[in-house]
């Protein structure tokens, strides 16, 4: 999982998921509903401290770890 964060100052304005598991139909199905929810939650929270999407625990964990790493690198 890899995300790219766009910031305006310290404010998260956009999150792009640039790499995610898509090997199986199950992966694609889970990600198609979980990633938009995670993006929306992270932008609303302005942090990686967001709830896990039900049924997408591994996706949610990978997303929040990648987002926190991106925010740390950006100094946000």
PDB file of N, CA and C in Angstrom:
ATOM      1  N   UNK A   1       0.851  -1.163   0.000  1.00  0.00           N
ATOM      2  CA  UNK A   1       0.000   0.000   0.000  1.00  0.00           C
ATOM      3  C   UNK A   1       0.898   1.228   0.000  1.00  0.00           C
ATOM      4  N   UNK A   2       0.590   2.179  -0.856  1.00  0.00           N
ATOM      5  CA  UNK A   2       1.340   3.435  -0.897  1.00  0.00           C
ATOM      6  C   UNK A   2       0.378   4.572  -1.216  1.00  0.00           C
ATOM      7  N   UNK A   3       0.452   5.626  -0.405  1.00  0.00           N
ATOM      8  CA  UNK A   3      -0.385   6.792  -0.642  1.00  0.00           C
ATOM      9  C   UNK A   3       0.481   8.016  -0.878  1.00  0.00           C
ATOM     10  N   UNK A   4      -0.081   8.958  -1.606  1.00  0.00           N
ATOM     11  CA  UNK A   4       0.558  10.247  -1.842  1.00  0.00           C
ATOM     12  C   UNK A   4      -0.364  11.304  -1.260  1.00  0.00           C
ATOM     13  N   UNK A   5       0.196  12.161  -0.420  1.00  0.00           N
ATOM     14  CA  UNK A   5      -0.592  13.174   0.269  1.00  0.00           C
ATOM     15  C   UNK A   5      -0.280  14.550  -0.305  1.00  0.00           C
ATOM     16  N   UNK A   6      -1.332  15.324  -0.569  1.00  0.00           N
ATOM     17  CA  UNK A   6      -1.182  16.717  -0.986  1.00  0.00           C
ATOM     18  C   UNK A   6      -1.583  17.582   0.195  1.00  0.00           C
ATOM     19  N   UNK A   7      -0.679  18.485   0.560  1.00  0.00           N
ATOM     20  CA  UNK A   7      -0.915  19.361   1.694  1.00  0.00           C
ATOM     21  C   UNK A   7      -0.956  20.818   1.257  1.00  0.00           C
ATOM     22  N   UNK A   8      -1.761  21.604   1.949  1.00  0.00           N
ATOM     23  CA  UNK A   8      -1.749  23.061   1.832  1.00  0.00           C
ATOM     24  C   UNK A   8      -1.336  23.541   3.216  1.00  0.00           C
ATOM     25  N   UNK A   9      -0.062  23.857   3.359  1.00  0.00           N
ATOM     26  CA  UNK A   9       0.472  24.120   4.695  1.00  0.00           C
ATOM     27  C   UNK A   9       0.507  22.810   5.444  1.00  0.00           C
ATOM     28  N   UNK A  10      -0.214  22.743   6.539  1.00  0.00           N
ATOM     29  CA  UNK A  10      -0.304  21.492   7.316  1.00  0.00           C
ATOM     30  C   UNK A  10      -1.627  20.776   7.094  1.00  0.00           C
ATOM     31  N   UNK A  11      -2.475  21.304   6.197  1.00  0.00           N
ATOM     32  CA  UNK A  11      -3.794  20.736   5.959  1.00  0.00           C
ATOM     33  C   UNK A  11      -3.755  19.717   4.816  1.00  0.00           C
ATOM     34  N   UNK A  12      -4.320  18.542   5.065  1.00  0.00           N
ATOM     35  CA  UNK A  12      -4.437  17.510   4.034  1.00  0.00           C
ATOM     36  C   UNK A  12      -5.549  17.937   3.082  1.00  0.00           C
ATOM     37  N   UNK A  13      -5.207  18.101   1.805  1.00  0.00           N
ATOM     38  CA  UNK A  13      -6.217  18.495   0.829  1.00  0.00           C
ATOM     39  C   UNK A  13      -6.591  17.362  -0.114  1.00  0.00           C
ATOM     40  N   UNK A  14      -5.680  16.394  -0.276  1.00  0.00           N
ATOM     41  CA  UNK A  14      -5.941  15.297  -1.209  1.00  0.00           C
ATOM     42  C   UNK A  14      -5.067  14.113  -0.839  1.00  0.00           C
ATOM     43  N   UNK A  15      -5.611  12.924  -1.018  1.00  0.00           N
ATOM     44  CA  UNK A  15      -4.855  11.694  -0.811  1.00  0.00           C
ATOM     45  C   UNK A  15      -5.077  10.801  -2.022  1.00  0.00           C
ATOM     46  N   UNK A  16      -3.981  10.418  -2.659  1.00  0.00           N
ATOM     47  CA  UNK A  16      -4.040   9.497  -3.794  1.00  0.00           C
ATOM     48  C   UNK A  16      -3.425   8.170  -3.375  1.00  0.00           C
ATOM     49  N   UNK A  17      -4.134   7.091  -3.611  1.00  0.00           N
ATOM     50  CA  UNK A  17      -3.588   5.758  -3.356  1.00  0.00           C
ATOM     51  C   UNK A  17      -2.904   5.328  -4.649  1.00  0.00           C
ATOM     52  N   UNK A  18      -1.578   5.316  -4.621  1.00  0.00           N
ATOM     53  CA  UNK A  18      -0.829   5.045  -5.849  1.00  0.00           C
ATOM     54  C   UNK A  18      -0.453   3.576  -6.031  1.00  0.00           C
ATOM     55  N   UNK A  19      -0.482   2.823  -4.921  1.00  0.00           N
ATOM     56  CA  UNK A  19      -0.207   1.385  -5.036  1.00  0.00           C
ATOM     57  C   UNK A  19      -0.994   0.651  -3.965  1.00  0.00           C
ATOM     58  N   UNK A  20      -1.687  -0.394  -4.378  1.00  0.00           N
ATOM     59  CA  UNK A  20      -2.482  -1.189  -3.445  1.00  0.00           C
ATOM     60  C   UNK A  20      -2.639  -2.591  -4.014  1.00  0.00           C
ATOM     61  N   UNK A  21      -2.936  -3.566  -3.146  1.00  0.00           N
ATOM     62  CA  UNK A  21      -3.109  -4.938  -3.613  1.00  0.00           C
ATOM     63  C   UNK A  21      -4.283  -5.041  -4.582  1.00  0.00           C
ATOM     64  N   UNK A  22      -4.043  -5.671  -5.715  1.00  0.00           N
ATOM     65  CA  UNK A  22      -5.107  -5.856  -6.707  1.00  0.00           C
ATOM     66  C   UNK A  22      -4.932  -7.174  -7.445  1.00  0.00           C
ATOM     67  N   UNK A  23      -4.282  -8.126  -6.780  1.00  0.00           N
ATOM     68  CA  UNK A  23      -3.992  -9.405  -7.438  1.00  0.00           C
ATOM     69  C   UNK A  23      -5.240 -10.236  -7.670  1.00  0.00           C
ATOM     70  N   UNK A  24      -6.154 -10.208  -6.714  1.00  0.00           N
ATOM     71  CA  UNK A  24      -7.343 -11.060  -6.844  1.00  0.00           C
ATOM     72  C   UNK A  24      -8.602 -10.208  -6.971  1.00  0.00           C
ATOM     73  N   UNK A  25      -9.661 -10.852  -7.378  1.00  0.00           N
ATOM     74  CA  UNK A  25     -10.946 -10.176  -7.447  1.00  0.00           C
ATOM     75  C   UNK A  25     -11.409  -9.712  -6.079  1.00  0.00           C
ATOM     76  N   UNK A  26     -11.080 -10.490  -5.050  1.00  0.00           N
ATOM     77  CA  UNK A  26     -11.431 -10.106  -3.679  1.00  0.00           C
ATOM     78  C   UNK A  26     -10.705  -8.827  -3.279  1.00  0.00           C
ATOM     79  N   UNK A  27      -9.397  -8.736  -3.600  1.00  0.00           N
ATOM     80  CA  UNK A  27      -8.636  -7.514  -3.314  1.00  0.00           C
ATOM     81  C   UNK A  27      -9.268  -6.310  -4.002  1.00  0.00           C
ATOM     82  N   UNK A  28      -9.579  -6.460  -5.261  1.00  0.00           N
ATOM     83  CA  UNK A  28     -10.160  -5.346  -6.022  1.00  0.00           C
ATOM     84  C   UNK A  28     -11.517  -4.944  -5.457  1.00  0.00           C
ATOM     85  N   UNK A  29     -12.309  -5.929  -5.067  1.00  0.00           N
ATOM     86  CA  UNK A  29     -13.631  -5.659  -4.508  1.00  0.00           C
ATOM     87  C   UNK A  29     -13.525  -4.897  -3.185  1.00  0.00           C
ATOM     88  N   UNK A  30     -12.680  -5.375  -2.296  1.00  0.00           N
ATOM     89  CA  UNK A  30     -12.500  -4.715  -1.001  1.00  0.00           C
ATOM     90  C   UNK A  30     -11.982  -3.292  -1.191  1.00  0.00           C
ATOM     91  N   UNK A  31     -10.965  -3.141  -2.022  1.00  0.00           N
ATOM     92  CA  UNK A  31     -10.364  -1.821  -2.221  1.00  0.00           C
ATOM     93  C   UNK A  31     -11.309  -0.846  -2.892  1.00  0.00           C
ATOM     94  N   UNK A  32     -12.197  -1.338  -3.741  1.00  0.00           N
ATOM     95  CA  UNK A  32     -13.108  -0.431  -4.446  1.00  0.00           C
ATOM     96  C   UNK A  32     -14.061   0.277  -3.488  1.00  0.00           C
ATOM     97  N   UNK A  33     -14.408  -0.373  -2.368  1.00  0.00           N
ATOM     98  CA  UNK A  33     -15.269   0.320  -1.411  1.00  0.00           C
ATOM     99  C   UNK A  33     -14.485   0.902  -0.241  1.00  0.00           C
ATOM    100  N   UNK A  34     -13.384   0.268   0.162  1.00  0.00           N
ATOM    101  CA  UNK A  34     -12.659   0.716   1.355  1.00  0.00           C
ATOM    102  C   UNK A  34     -11.811   1.964   1.112  1.00  0.00           C
ATOM    103  N   UNK A  35     -11.128   2.036  -0.010  1.00  0.00           N
ATOM    104  CA  UNK A  35     -10.212   3.160  -0.231  1.00  0.00           C
ATOM    105  C   UNK A  35     -10.914   4.514  -0.284  1.00  0.00           C
ATOM    106  N   UNK A  36     -12.040   4.659  -0.965  1.00  0.00           N
ATOM    107  CA  UNK A  36     -12.730   5.956  -0.926  1.00  0.00           C
ATOM    108  C   UNK A  36     -13.175   6.348   0.496  1.00  0.00           C
ATOM    109  N   UNK A  37     -13.615   5.365   1.272  1.00  0.00           N
ATOM    110  CA  UNK A  37     -14.031   5.641   2.651  1.00  0.00           C
ATOM    111  C   UNK A  37     -12.824   6.089   3.483  1.00  0.00           C
ATOM    112  N   UNK A  38     -11.713   5.388   3.333  1.00  0.00           N
ATOM    113  CA  UNK A  38     -10.509   5.745   4.077  1.00  0.00           C
ATOM    114  C   UNK A  38     -10.022   7.138   3.697  1.00  0.00           C
ATOM    115  N   UNK A  39     -10.038   7.454   2.408  1.00  0.00           N
ATOM    116  CA  UNK A  39      -9.635   8.800   1.962  1.00  0.00           C
ATOM    117  C   UNK A  39     -10.521   9.862   2.602  1.00  0.00           C
ATOM    118  N   UNK A  40     -11.806   9.651   2.546  1.00  0.00           N
ATOM    119  CA  UNK A  40     -12.766  10.617   3.086  1.00  0.00           C
ATOM    120  C   UNK A  40     -12.564  10.801   4.598  1.00  0.00           C
ATOM    121  N   UNK A  41     -12.389   9.702   5.308  1.00  0.00           N
ATOM    122  CA  UNK A  41     -12.189   9.758   6.756  1.00  0.00           C
ATOM    123  C   UNK A  41     -10.891  10.474   7.115  1.00  0.00           C
ATOM    124  N   UNK A  42      -9.814  10.181   6.398  1.00  0.00           N
ATOM    125  CA  UNK A  42      -8.520  10.796   6.699  1.00  0.00           C
ATOM    126  C   UNK A  42      -8.539  12.293   6.428  1.00  0.00           C
ATOM    127  N   UNK A  43      -9.171  12.706   5.352  1.00  0.00           N
ATOM    128  CA  UNK A  43      -9.263  14.136   5.057  1.00  0.00           C
ATOM    129  C   UNK A  43     -10.125  14.829   6.109  1.00  0.00           C
ATOM    130  N   UNK A  44     -11.212  14.213   6.514  1.00  0.00           N
ATOM    131  CA  UNK A  44     -12.069  14.795   7.551  1.00  0.00           C
ATOM    132  C   UNK A  44     -11.338  14.886   8.889  1.00  0.00           C
ATOM    133  N   UNK A  45     -10.561  13.857   9.219  1.00  0.00           N
ATOM    134  CA  UNK A  45      -9.843  13.818  10.498  1.00  0.00           C
ATOM    135  C   UNK A  45      -8.547  14.623  10.454  1.00  0.00           C
ATOM    136  N   UNK A  46      -8.057  14.890   9.240  1.00  0.00           N
ATOM    137  CA  UNK A  46      -6.767  15.570   9.067  1.00  0.00           C
ATOM    138  C   UNK A  46      -5.637  14.810   9.762  1.00  0.00           C
ATOM    139  N   UNK A  47      -5.731  13.484   9.727  1.00  0.00           N
ATOM    140  CA  UNK A  47      -4.682  12.645  10.302  1.00  0.00           C
ATOM    141  C   UNK A  47      -4.881  11.206   9.850  1.00  0.00           C
ATOM    142  N   UNK A  48      -3.931  10.363  10.258  1.00  0.00           N
ATOM    143  CA  UNK A  48      -4.026   8.934   9.963  1.00  0.00           C
ATOM    144  C   UNK A  48      -4.750   8.185  11.075  1.00  0.00           C
ATOM    145  N   UNK A  49      -5.185   8.887  12.103  1.00  0.00           N
ATOM    146  CA  UNK A  49      -5.897   8.271  13.226  1.00  0.00           C
ATOM    147  C   UNK A  49      -7.374   8.144  12.875  1.00  0.00           C
ATOM    148  N   UNK A  50      -7.668   7.125  12.062  1.00  0.00           N
ATOM    149  CA  UNK A  50      -9.031   6.907  11.592  1.00  0.00           C
ATOM    150  C   UNK A  50      -9.458   5.484  11.907  1.00  0.00           C
ATOM    151  N   UNK A  51     -10.763   5.240  11.851  1.00  0.00           N
ATOM    152  CA  UNK A  51     -11.298   3.911  12.127  1.00  0.00           C
ATOM    153  C   UNK A  51     -11.027   2.959  10.968  1.00  0.00           C
ATOM    154  N   UNK A  52     -10.945   1.691  11.289  1.00  0.00           N
ATOM    155  CA  UNK A  52     -10.793   0.629  10.300  1.00  0.00           C
ATOM    156  C   UNK A  52     -12.133   0.444   9.587  1.00  0.00           C
ATOM    157  N   UNK A  53     -12.088   0.219   8.281  1.00  0.00           N
ATOM    158  CA  UNK A  53     -13.299  -0.080   7.526  1.00  0.00           C
ATOM    159  C   UNK A  53     -13.643  -1.546   7.762  1.00  0.00           C
ATOM    160  N   UNK A  54     -14.867  -1.806   8.178  1.00  0.00           N
ATOM    161  CA  UNK A  54     -15.316  -3.161   8.454  1.00  0.00           C
ATOM    162  C   UNK A  54     -15.146  -4.048   7.228  1.00  0.00           C
ATOM    163  N   UNK A  55     -14.512  -5.196   7.416  1.00  0.00           N
ATOM    164  CA  UNK A  55     -14.283  -6.130   6.322  1.00  0.00           C
ATOM    165  C   UNK A  55     -13.034  -5.834   5.517  1.00  0.00           C
ATOM    166  N   UNK A  56     -12.320  -4.774   5.897  1.00  0.00           N
ATOM    167  CA  UNK A  56     -11.109  -4.383   5.154  1.00  0.00           C
ATOM    168  C   UNK A  56      -9.985  -4.046   6.131  1.00  0.00           C
ATOM    169  N   UNK A  57      -9.776  -4.922   7.100  1.00  0.00           N
ATOM    170  CA  UNK A  57      -8.794  -4.661   8.151  1.00  0.00           C
ATOM    171  C   UNK A  57      -7.389  -4.503   7.602  1.00  0.00           C
ATOM    172  N   UNK A  58      -6.945  -5.426   6.751  1.00  0.00           N
ATOM    173  CA  UNK A  58      -5.579  -5.343   6.219  1.00  0.00           C
ATOM    174  C   UNK A  58      -5.406  -4.113   5.339  1.00  0.00           C
ATOM    175  N   UNK A  59      -6.396  -3.813   4.530  1.00  0.00           N
ATOM    176  CA  UNK A  59      -6.349  -2.620   3.687  1.00  0.00           C
ATOM    177  C   UNK A  59      -6.292  -1.376   4.564  1.00  0.00           C
ATOM    178  N   UNK A  60      -7.123  -1.314   5.583  1.00  0.00           N
ATOM    179  CA  UNK A  60      -7.154  -0.163   6.479  1.00  0.00           C
ATOM    180  C   UNK A  60      -5.826   0.014   7.208  1.00  0.00           C
ATOM    181  N   UNK A  61      -5.260  -1.080   7.702  1.00  0.00           N
ATOM    182  CA  UNK A  61      -3.980  -1.009   8.414  1.00  0.00           C
ATOM    183  C   UNK A  61      -2.862  -0.525   7.490  1.00  0.00           C
ATOM    184  N   UNK A  62      -2.804  -1.089   6.296  1.00  0.00           N
ATOM    185  CA  UNK A  62      -1.783  -0.668   5.341  1.00  0.00           C
ATOM    186  C   UNK A  62      -1.942   0.795   4.950  1.00  0.00           C
ATOM    187  N   UNK A  63      -3.176   1.200   4.762  1.00  0.00           N
ATOM    188  CA  UNK A  63      -3.476   2.586   4.389  1.00  0.00           C
ATOM    189  C   UNK A  63      -3.023   3.550   5.487  1.00  0.00           C
ATOM    190  N   UNK A  64      -3.399   3.268   6.732  1.00  0.00           N
ATOM    191  CA  UNK A  64      -3.053   4.192   7.813  1.00  0.00           C
ATOM    192  C   UNK A  64      -1.546   4.235   8.062  1.00  0.00           C
ATOM    193  N   UNK A  65      -0.862   3.112   7.928  1.00  0.00           N
ATOM    194  CA  UNK A  65       0.597   3.106   8.081  1.00  0.00           C
ATOM    195  C   UNK A  65       1.258   3.928   6.988  1.00  0.00           C
ATOM    196  N   UNK A  66       0.805   3.747   5.753  1.00  0.00           N
ATOM    197  CA  UNK A  66       1.381   4.496   4.635  1.00  0.00           C
ATOM    198  C   UNK A  66       1.078   5.984   4.761  1.00  0.00           C
ATOM    199  N   UNK A  67      -0.143   6.314   5.146  1.00  0.00           N
ATOM    200  CA  UNK A  67      -0.510   7.712   5.318  1.00  0.00           C
ATOM    201  C   UNK A  67       0.317   8.364   6.421  1.00  0.00           C
ATOM    202  N   UNK A  68       0.479   7.675   7.555  1.00  0.00           N
ATOM    203  CA  UNK A  68       1.271   8.242   8.645  1.00  0.00           C
ATOM    204  C   UNK A  68       2.716   8.454   8.216  1.00  0.00           C
ATOM    205  N   UNK A  69       3.266   7.518   7.468  1.00  0.00           N
ATOM    206  CA  UNK A  69       4.621   7.660   6.958  1.00  0.00           C
ATOM    207  C   UNK A  69       4.746   8.874   6.039  1.00  0.00           C
ATOM    208  N   UNK A  70       3.781   9.046   5.145  1.00  0.00           N
ATOM    209  CA  UNK A  70       3.790  10.200   4.231  1.00  0.00           C
ATOM    210  C   UNK A  70       3.682  11.512   5.003  1.00  0.00           C
ATOM    211  N   UNK A  71       2.825  11.531   6.024  1.00  0.00           N
ATOM    212  CA  UNK A  71       2.681  12.741   6.837  1.00  0.00           C
ATOM    213  C   UNK A  71       3.944  13.033   7.620  1.00  0.00           C
ATOM    214  N   UNK A  72       4.579  12.004   8.148  1.00  0.00           N
ATOM    215  CA  UNK A  72       5.841  12.183   8.880  1.00  0.00           C
ATOM    216  C   UNK A  72       6.924  12.754   7.969  1.00  0.00           C
ATOM    217  N   UNK A  73       7.021  12.220   6.767  1.00  0.00           N
ATOM    218  CA  UNK A  73       8.029  12.704   5.808  1.00  0.00           C
ATOM    219  C   UNK A  73       7.772  14.142   5.401  1.00  0.00           C
ATOM    220  N   UNK A  74       6.499  14.526   5.352  1.00  0.00           N
ATOM    221  CA  UNK A  74       6.140  15.890   4.962  1.00  0.00           C
ATOM    222  C   UNK A  74       6.236  16.857   6.144  1.00  0.00           C
ATOM    223  N   UNK A  75       6.472  16.319   7.333  1.00  0.00           N
ATOM    224  CA  UNK A  75       6.564  17.159   8.514  1.00  0.00           C
ATOM    225  C   UNK A  75       5.223  17.666   9.004  1.00  0.00           C
ATOM    226  N   UNK A  76       4.168  16.981   8.623  1.00  0.00           N
ATOM    227  CA  UNK A  76       2.805  17.411   9.023  1.00  0.00           C
ATOM    228  C   UNK A  76       2.385  16.760  10.315  1.00  0.00           C
TER     229      UNK A  76
END
